Protein backbone atom coordinates (compact mmCIF):
# COMPACT_ATOMS: atom_id res chain seq x y z
CA UNK A 1 -2.30 10.03 -7.58
CA UNK A 2 -1.37 12.10 -10.62
CA UNK A 3 1.95 13.07 -9.03
CA UNK A 4 2.68 9.34 -8.61
CA UNK A 5 1.77 8.75 -12.29
CA UNK A 6 -1.57 7.06 -11.65
CA UNK A 7 -4.89 8.20 -13.12
CA UNK A 8 -6.77 10.14 -10.44
CA UNK A 9 -10.13 9.39 -11.99
CA UNK A 10 -9.97 5.57 -12.08
CA UNK A 11 -11.54 3.89 -9.04
CA UNK A 12 -10.84 0.50 -10.60
CA UNK A 13 -7.12 1.23 -10.81
CA UNK A 14 -7.09 2.71 -7.31
CA UNK A 15 -8.82 -0.35 -5.84
CA UNK A 16 -6.52 -2.77 -7.68
CA UNK A 17 -3.29 -0.97 -6.77
CA UNK A 18 -4.39 -0.42 -3.17
CA UNK A 19 -5.49 -4.02 -2.62
CA UNK A 20 -2.12 -5.36 -3.77
CA UNK A 21 -0.42 -3.29 -1.08
CA UNK A 22 -2.89 -3.52 1.82
CA UNK A 23 -2.65 -6.45 4.23
CA UNK A 24 -6.25 -6.23 5.45
CA UNK A 25 -9.53 -6.82 3.68
CA UNK A 26 -9.60 -5.51 0.11
CA UNK A 27 -11.62 -2.47 -0.83
CA UNK A 28 -14.27 -2.44 -3.55
CA UNK A 29 -14.24 -0.24 -6.63
CA UNK A 30 -17.25 1.53 -5.11
CA UNK A 31 -15.25 2.38 -1.96
CA UNK A 32 -12.36 3.65 -4.10
CA UNK A 33 -14.78 5.87 -6.05
CA UNK A 34 -16.08 7.33 -2.77
CA UNK A 35 -12.50 8.14 -1.73
CA UNK A 36 -11.79 9.84 -5.05
CA UNK A 37 -14.90 12.03 -5.01
CA UNK A 38 -14.59 12.82 -1.30
CA UNK A 39 -17.73 11.02 -0.14
CA UNK A 40 -15.75 8.85 2.28
CA UNK A 41 -12.41 8.94 4.08
CA UNK A 42 -10.18 5.87 4.39
CA UNK A 43 -9.46 4.53 7.85
CA UNK A 44 -6.13 5.57 9.35
CA UNK A 45 -4.62 2.17 8.55
CA UNK A 46 -5.72 2.43 4.92
CA UNK A 47 -4.57 6.04 4.78
CA UNK A 48 -1.08 4.97 5.85
CA UNK A 49 -1.00 2.36 3.09
CA UNK A 50 -2.14 4.92 0.51
CA UNK A 51 0.45 7.41 1.72
CA UNK A 52 3.29 4.89 1.54
CA UNK A 53 2.21 3.79 -1.95
CA UNK A 54 1.86 7.33 -3.30
CA UNK A 55 4.99 8.66 -1.60
CA UNK A 56 3.26 11.29 0.52
CA UNK A 57 2.74 11.70 4.24
CA UNK A 58 -0.50 10.45 5.77
CA UNK A 59 -0.96 13.92 7.29
CA UNK A 60 -0.74 15.55 3.88
CA UNK A 61 -3.09 13.01 2.36
CA UNK A 62 -5.69 13.46 5.10
CA UNK A 63 -5.41 17.19 5.85
CA UNK A 64 -3.36 18.71 3.04
CA UNK A 65 -0.76 19.85 5.57
CA UNK A 66 2.76 18.76 6.34
CA UNK A 67 5.20 17.71 3.65
CA UNK A 68 3.82 16.14 0.51
CA UNK A 69 6.60 13.58 0.62
CA UNK A 70 7.20 10.86 3.14
CA UNK A 71 10.61 10.14 4.56
CA UNK A 72 13.18 8.79 2.14
CA UNK A 73 12.99 5.25 3.53
CA UNK A 74 9.45 4.87 2.20
CA UNK A 75 10.28 6.49 -1.12
CA UNK A 76 13.29 4.26 -1.62
CA UNK A 77 11.32 1.07 -1.08
CA UNK A 78 9.09 1.22 -4.15
CA UNK A 79 8.12 -2.34 -4.88
CA UNK A 80 8.24 -3.92 -8.29
CA UNK A 81 5.22 -5.80 -9.61
CA UNK A 82 6.82 -9.20 -8.90
CA UNK A 83 7.28 -8.19 -5.27
CA UNK A 84 3.69 -7.03 -5.04
CA UNK A 85 2.46 -10.31 -6.49
CA UNK A 86 4.54 -12.15 -3.91
CA UNK A 87 2.99 -10.07 -1.12
CA UNK A 88 -0.45 -10.84 -2.50
CA UNK A 89 0.37 -14.57 -2.49
CA UNK A 90 1.69 -14.28 1.06
CA UNK A 91 -1.60 -12.76 2.21
CA UNK A 92 -3.47 -15.79 0.92
CA UNK A 93 -1.51 -18.20 3.13
CA UNK A 94 -2.72 -19.36 6.51
CA UNK A 95 -1.20 -17.50 9.47
CA UNK A 96 1.12 -20.35 10.40
CA UNK A 97 2.48 -20.54 6.86
CA UNK A 98 2.97 -16.76 6.66
CA UNK A 99 5.03 -16.99 9.85
CA UNK A 100 7.18 -19.72 8.29
CA UNK A 101 7.84 -17.52 5.25
CA UNK A 102 8.77 -14.57 7.48
CA UNK A 103 11.16 -16.75 9.45
CA UNK A 104 12.76 -18.05 6.25
CA UNK A 105 13.27 -14.52 4.94
CA UNK A 106 14.90 -13.44 8.20
CA UNK A 107 17.18 -16.48 8.10
CA UNK A 108 18.20 -15.73 4.49
CA UNK A 109 18.92 -12.11 5.36
CA UNK A 110 20.99 -13.15 8.33
CA UNK A 111 22.89 -15.73 6.22
CA UNK A 112 23.90 -13.19 3.58
CA UNK A 113 25.50 -10.82 6.12
C-alpha cells in the first residue's frame, strides 16, 4: 500500500478504497484491519481486486513471489475518483438496469469508432 501511496496502517482507508473498487459485498473496517495485521487472508476474488488497485500481481500480494507489478494494461487503467463514484453508483442499480448501462456504454464505444 505504501508503494501505491496509501497509508499501510489505516484499515478505514483500506476498506473505503477497496469497497469502491470491488463489485461484491463490501468489507468492514474490522476485516481490513485483519488483512493488514495478517490475521486473515482475502478471498482470491478480493485479492485480485486489491492487486489491480495497488498495481501488483495477485501472486506477489498473496505469496510475495512473482513480479511486484501487474501487466501494463492494469497499470494504465488507473481510475479517477469520478469514475470510481460512477462504478459505485452502478453497483447500486438493479441487475436489469446495470445491463442497460453496459449496453449503452458498448453502443457509445461502437459509435465513436
